[in-house]
């Protein structure tokens, strides 16, 4: 989504042309995003961190392994 820096509301508009779609081997699908303006709202903001030899997709302190938009679920570690 194309969220504005101070906008806490949901924004359904996607700007995938400039947004990262993968962190390591994990796909980052809208409404989730890594860069500012690439997620629908702050609750969907992820971080691509170098924890080990390969990048890890993070949601707070939990590592995200899969995002299933159609089912409305994500697989994460238990921090």
N, C-alpha and C. Protein backbone atom coordinates (compact mmCIF):
# COMPACT_ATOMS: atom_id res chain seq x y z
N UNK A 1 0.83 -1.18 0.00
CA UNK A 1 0.00 0.00 0.00
C UNK A 1 0.86 1.22 0.00
N UNK A 2 0.31 2.31 -0.31
CA UNK A 2 1.03 3.57 -0.34
C UNK A 2 0.66 4.36 0.89
N UNK A 3 1.05 3.89 2.05
CA UNK A 3 0.71 4.60 3.28
C UNK A 3 1.62 5.80 3.46
N UNK A 4 1.08 6.86 4.02
CA UNK A 4 1.86 8.05 4.31
C UNK A 4 2.54 7.85 5.65
N UNK A 5 3.70 8.48 5.90
CA UNK A 5 4.45 8.24 7.13
C UNK A 5 3.63 8.37 8.42
N UNK A 6 2.72 9.32 8.52
CA UNK A 6 1.95 9.51 9.75
C UNK A 6 0.54 8.94 9.67
N UNK A 7 0.22 8.20 8.61
CA UNK A 7 -1.11 7.64 8.42
C UNK A 7 -1.20 6.30 9.13
N UNK A 8 -2.08 6.18 10.12
CA UNK A 8 -2.25 4.93 10.85
C UNK A 8 -3.41 4.11 10.30
N UNK A 9 -4.11 4.62 9.30
CA UNK A 9 -5.25 3.92 8.73
C UNK A 9 -4.84 2.95 7.64
N UNK A 10 -5.77 2.10 7.24
CA UNK A 10 -5.53 1.13 6.18
C UNK A 10 -5.55 1.82 4.83
N UNK A 11 -4.61 1.49 3.98
CA UNK A 11 -4.56 2.04 2.64
C UNK A 11 -4.43 0.88 1.66
N UNK A 12 -5.49 0.58 0.89
CA UNK A 12 -5.48 -0.57 0.00
C UNK A 12 -4.68 -0.39 -1.29
N UNK A 13 -4.15 0.80 -1.55
CA UNK A 13 -3.41 1.03 -2.79
C UNK A 13 -2.02 0.41 -2.68
N UNK A 14 -1.65 -0.39 -3.69
CA UNK A 14 -0.35 -1.06 -3.68
C UNK A 14 0.64 -0.33 -4.58
N UNK A 15 1.89 -0.24 -4.15
CA UNK A 15 2.97 0.38 -4.93
C UNK A 15 4.12 -0.62 -5.08
N UNK A 16 3.84 -1.81 -5.57
CA UNK A 16 4.82 -2.88 -5.62
C UNK A 16 6.02 -2.60 -6.52
N UNK A 17 5.93 -1.64 -7.41
CA UNK A 17 7.04 -1.40 -8.33
C UNK A 17 8.34 -1.11 -7.59
N UNK A 18 8.28 -0.48 -6.44
CA UNK A 18 9.50 -0.12 -5.70
C UNK A 18 9.63 -0.87 -4.38
N UNK A 19 8.74 -1.79 -4.10
CA UNK A 19 8.74 -2.49 -2.82
C UNK A 19 9.42 -3.84 -2.92
N UNK A 20 10.18 -4.19 -1.87
CA UNK A 20 10.84 -5.49 -1.79
C UNK A 20 9.79 -6.58 -1.67
N UNK A 21 9.91 -7.63 -2.47
CA UNK A 21 8.92 -8.71 -2.46
C UNK A 21 9.41 -9.97 -1.75
N UNK A 22 10.70 -10.03 -1.46
CA UNK A 22 11.26 -11.20 -0.78
C UNK A 22 12.25 -10.76 0.28
N UNK A 23 12.33 -11.53 1.35
CA UNK A 23 13.38 -11.40 2.35
C UNK A 23 13.96 -12.80 2.47
N UNK A 24 15.16 -12.99 1.94
CA UNK A 24 15.69 -14.34 1.83
C UNK A 24 14.79 -15.12 0.88
N UNK A 25 14.25 -16.24 1.33
CA UNK A 25 13.35 -17.05 0.51
C UNK A 25 11.88 -16.83 0.85
N UNK A 26 11.59 -15.91 1.79
CA UNK A 26 10.22 -15.68 2.23
C UNK A 26 9.59 -14.56 1.41
N UNK A 27 8.44 -14.85 0.81
CA UNK A 27 7.70 -13.87 0.02
C UNK A 27 7.00 -12.87 0.93
N UNK A 28 7.09 -11.60 0.58
CA UNK A 28 6.42 -10.53 1.32
C UNK A 28 5.25 -10.06 0.47
N UNK A 29 4.04 -10.37 0.90
CA UNK A 29 2.84 -10.06 0.14
C UNK A 29 2.04 -8.95 0.81
N UNK A 30 1.47 -8.08 -0.01
CA UNK A 30 0.60 -7.03 0.50
C UNK A 30 -0.59 -7.67 1.20
N UNK A 31 -1.00 -7.21 2.37
CA UNK A 31 -0.81 -5.88 2.93
C UNK A 31 0.47 -5.72 3.74
N UNK A 32 1.31 -6.78 3.84
CA UNK A 32 2.59 -6.67 4.53
C UNK A 32 3.60 -5.97 3.64
N UNK A 33 4.59 -5.38 4.24
CA UNK A 33 5.64 -4.71 3.49
C UNK A 33 6.82 -4.40 4.39
N UNK A 34 7.95 -4.09 3.78
CA UNK A 34 9.17 -3.80 4.52
C UNK A 34 9.46 -2.30 4.52
N UNK A 35 9.47 -1.70 3.34
CA UNK A 35 9.80 -0.29 3.24
C UNK A 35 8.59 0.59 3.57
N UNK A 36 8.90 1.82 4.02
CA UNK A 36 7.86 2.82 4.28
C UNK A 36 7.04 3.00 3.01
N UNK A 37 5.73 2.97 3.13
CA UNK A 37 4.84 3.13 1.99
C UNK A 37 4.49 1.84 1.28
N UNK A 38 5.05 0.71 1.73
CA UNK A 38 4.80 -0.57 1.07
C UNK A 38 3.88 -1.49 1.86
N UNK A 39 3.41 -1.08 3.02
CA UNK A 39 2.49 -1.88 3.83
C UNK A 39 1.20 -1.10 4.01
N UNK A 40 0.10 -1.84 4.28
CA UNK A 40 -1.22 -1.22 4.37
C UNK A 40 -1.35 -0.32 5.59
N UNK A 41 -0.78 -0.72 6.71
CA UNK A 41 -0.78 0.08 7.94
C UNK A 41 0.40 -0.39 8.79
N UNK A 42 0.70 0.33 9.86
CA UNK A 42 1.87 0.02 10.68
C UNK A 42 1.85 -1.40 11.23
N UNK A 43 0.68 -1.96 11.46
CA UNK A 43 0.58 -3.33 11.99
C UNK A 43 1.10 -4.37 11.01
N UNK A 44 1.22 -4.00 9.73
CA UNK A 44 1.69 -4.92 8.70
C UNK A 44 3.15 -4.68 8.31
N UNK A 45 3.84 -3.81 9.02
CA UNK A 45 5.23 -3.51 8.71
C UNK A 45 6.14 -4.64 9.20
N UNK A 46 6.98 -5.15 8.30
CA UNK A 46 7.94 -6.20 8.61
C UNK A 46 9.36 -5.65 8.49
N UNK A 47 10.31 -6.42 9.00
CA UNK A 47 11.72 -6.04 8.93
C UNK A 47 12.50 -7.21 8.35
N UNK A 48 13.39 -6.92 7.41
CA UNK A 48 14.26 -7.96 6.85
C UNK A 48 15.62 -7.81 7.53
N UNK A 49 15.92 -8.74 8.46
CA UNK A 49 17.12 -8.64 9.29
C UNK A 49 18.12 -9.73 8.95
N UNK A 50 19.39 -9.43 9.10
CA UNK A 50 20.45 -10.42 8.90
C UNK A 50 20.80 -11.05 10.24
N UNK A 51 20.02 -12.07 10.64
CA UNK A 51 20.25 -12.73 11.93
C UNK A 51 21.29 -13.83 11.83
N UNK A 52 21.31 -14.51 10.70
CA UNK A 52 22.24 -15.62 10.48
C UNK A 52 22.90 -15.42 9.12
N UNK A 53 23.23 -16.49 8.45
CA UNK A 53 23.87 -16.38 7.14
C UNK A 53 22.92 -15.90 6.06
N UNK A 54 21.61 -16.00 6.30
CA UNK A 54 20.63 -15.52 5.32
C UNK A 54 19.65 -14.56 6.00
N UNK A 55 19.07 -13.65 5.23
CA UNK A 55 18.13 -12.69 5.81
C UNK A 55 16.92 -13.38 6.43
N UNK A 56 16.38 -12.78 7.49
CA UNK A 56 15.20 -13.30 8.17
C UNK A 56 14.12 -12.23 8.19
N UNK A 57 12.91 -12.62 7.85
CA UNK A 57 11.78 -11.70 7.87
C UNK A 57 11.21 -11.66 9.27
N UNK A 58 11.11 -10.45 9.85
CA UNK A 58 10.72 -10.31 11.25
C UNK A 58 9.45 -9.47 11.40
N UNK A 59 8.61 -9.87 12.36
CA UNK A 59 7.45 -9.10 12.80
C UNK A 59 7.65 -8.89 14.29
N UNK A 60 8.18 -7.73 14.66
CA UNK A 60 8.59 -7.51 16.04
C UNK A 60 9.76 -8.42 16.35
N UNK A 61 9.65 -9.25 17.41
CA UNK A 61 10.70 -10.21 17.77
C UNK A 61 10.49 -11.59 17.19
N UNK A 62 9.42 -11.79 16.44
CA UNK A 62 9.10 -13.10 15.88
C UNK A 62 9.57 -13.19 14.43
N UNK A 63 10.15 -14.34 14.07
CA UNK A 63 10.56 -14.56 12.68
C UNK A 63 9.38 -15.10 11.89
N UNK A 64 9.14 -14.50 10.72
CA UNK A 64 8.05 -14.90 9.83
C UNK A 64 8.59 -15.91 8.82
N UNK A 65 7.94 -17.08 8.73
CA UNK A 65 8.38 -18.10 7.78
C UNK A 65 7.51 -18.14 6.53
N UNK A 66 6.23 -17.88 6.66
CA UNK A 66 5.31 -17.90 5.52
C UNK A 66 4.19 -16.91 5.76
N UNK A 67 3.70 -16.33 4.66
CA UNK A 67 2.52 -15.46 4.70
C UNK A 67 1.50 -16.06 3.75
N UNK A 68 0.31 -16.35 4.26
CA UNK A 68 -0.77 -16.92 3.46
C UNK A 68 -1.92 -15.92 3.42
N UNK A 69 -1.90 -15.04 2.44
CA UNK A 69 -2.90 -13.98 2.34
C UNK A 69 -4.30 -14.56 2.17
N UNK A 70 -4.44 -15.57 1.31
CA UNK A 70 -5.76 -16.14 1.04
C UNK A 70 -6.40 -16.74 2.29
N UNK A 71 -5.59 -17.33 3.17
CA UNK A 71 -6.10 -17.94 4.40
C UNK A 71 -6.12 -16.95 5.56
N UNK A 72 -5.46 -15.81 5.39
CA UNK A 72 -5.40 -14.81 6.46
C UNK A 72 -4.51 -15.23 7.61
N UNK A 73 -3.43 -15.99 7.32
CA UNK A 73 -2.53 -16.46 8.37
C UNK A 73 -1.07 -16.22 8.00
N UNK A 74 -0.22 -16.20 9.04
CA UNK A 74 1.23 -16.19 8.84
C UNK A 74 1.82 -17.21 9.80
N UNK A 75 2.93 -17.83 9.41
CA UNK A 75 3.67 -18.75 10.28
C UNK A 75 4.86 -18.00 10.86
N UNK A 76 4.95 -17.96 12.21
CA UNK A 76 6.03 -17.27 12.87
C UNK A 76 6.63 -18.15 13.96
N UNK A 77 7.83 -17.77 14.42
CA UNK A 77 8.42 -18.42 15.60
C UNK A 77 7.73 -17.86 16.82
N UNK A 78 7.83 -18.56 17.92
CA UNK A 78 7.29 -18.07 19.19
C UNK A 78 8.43 -17.38 19.93
N UNK A 79 8.41 -16.03 19.97
CA UNK A 79 9.56 -15.31 20.56
C UNK A 79 9.73 -15.57 22.05
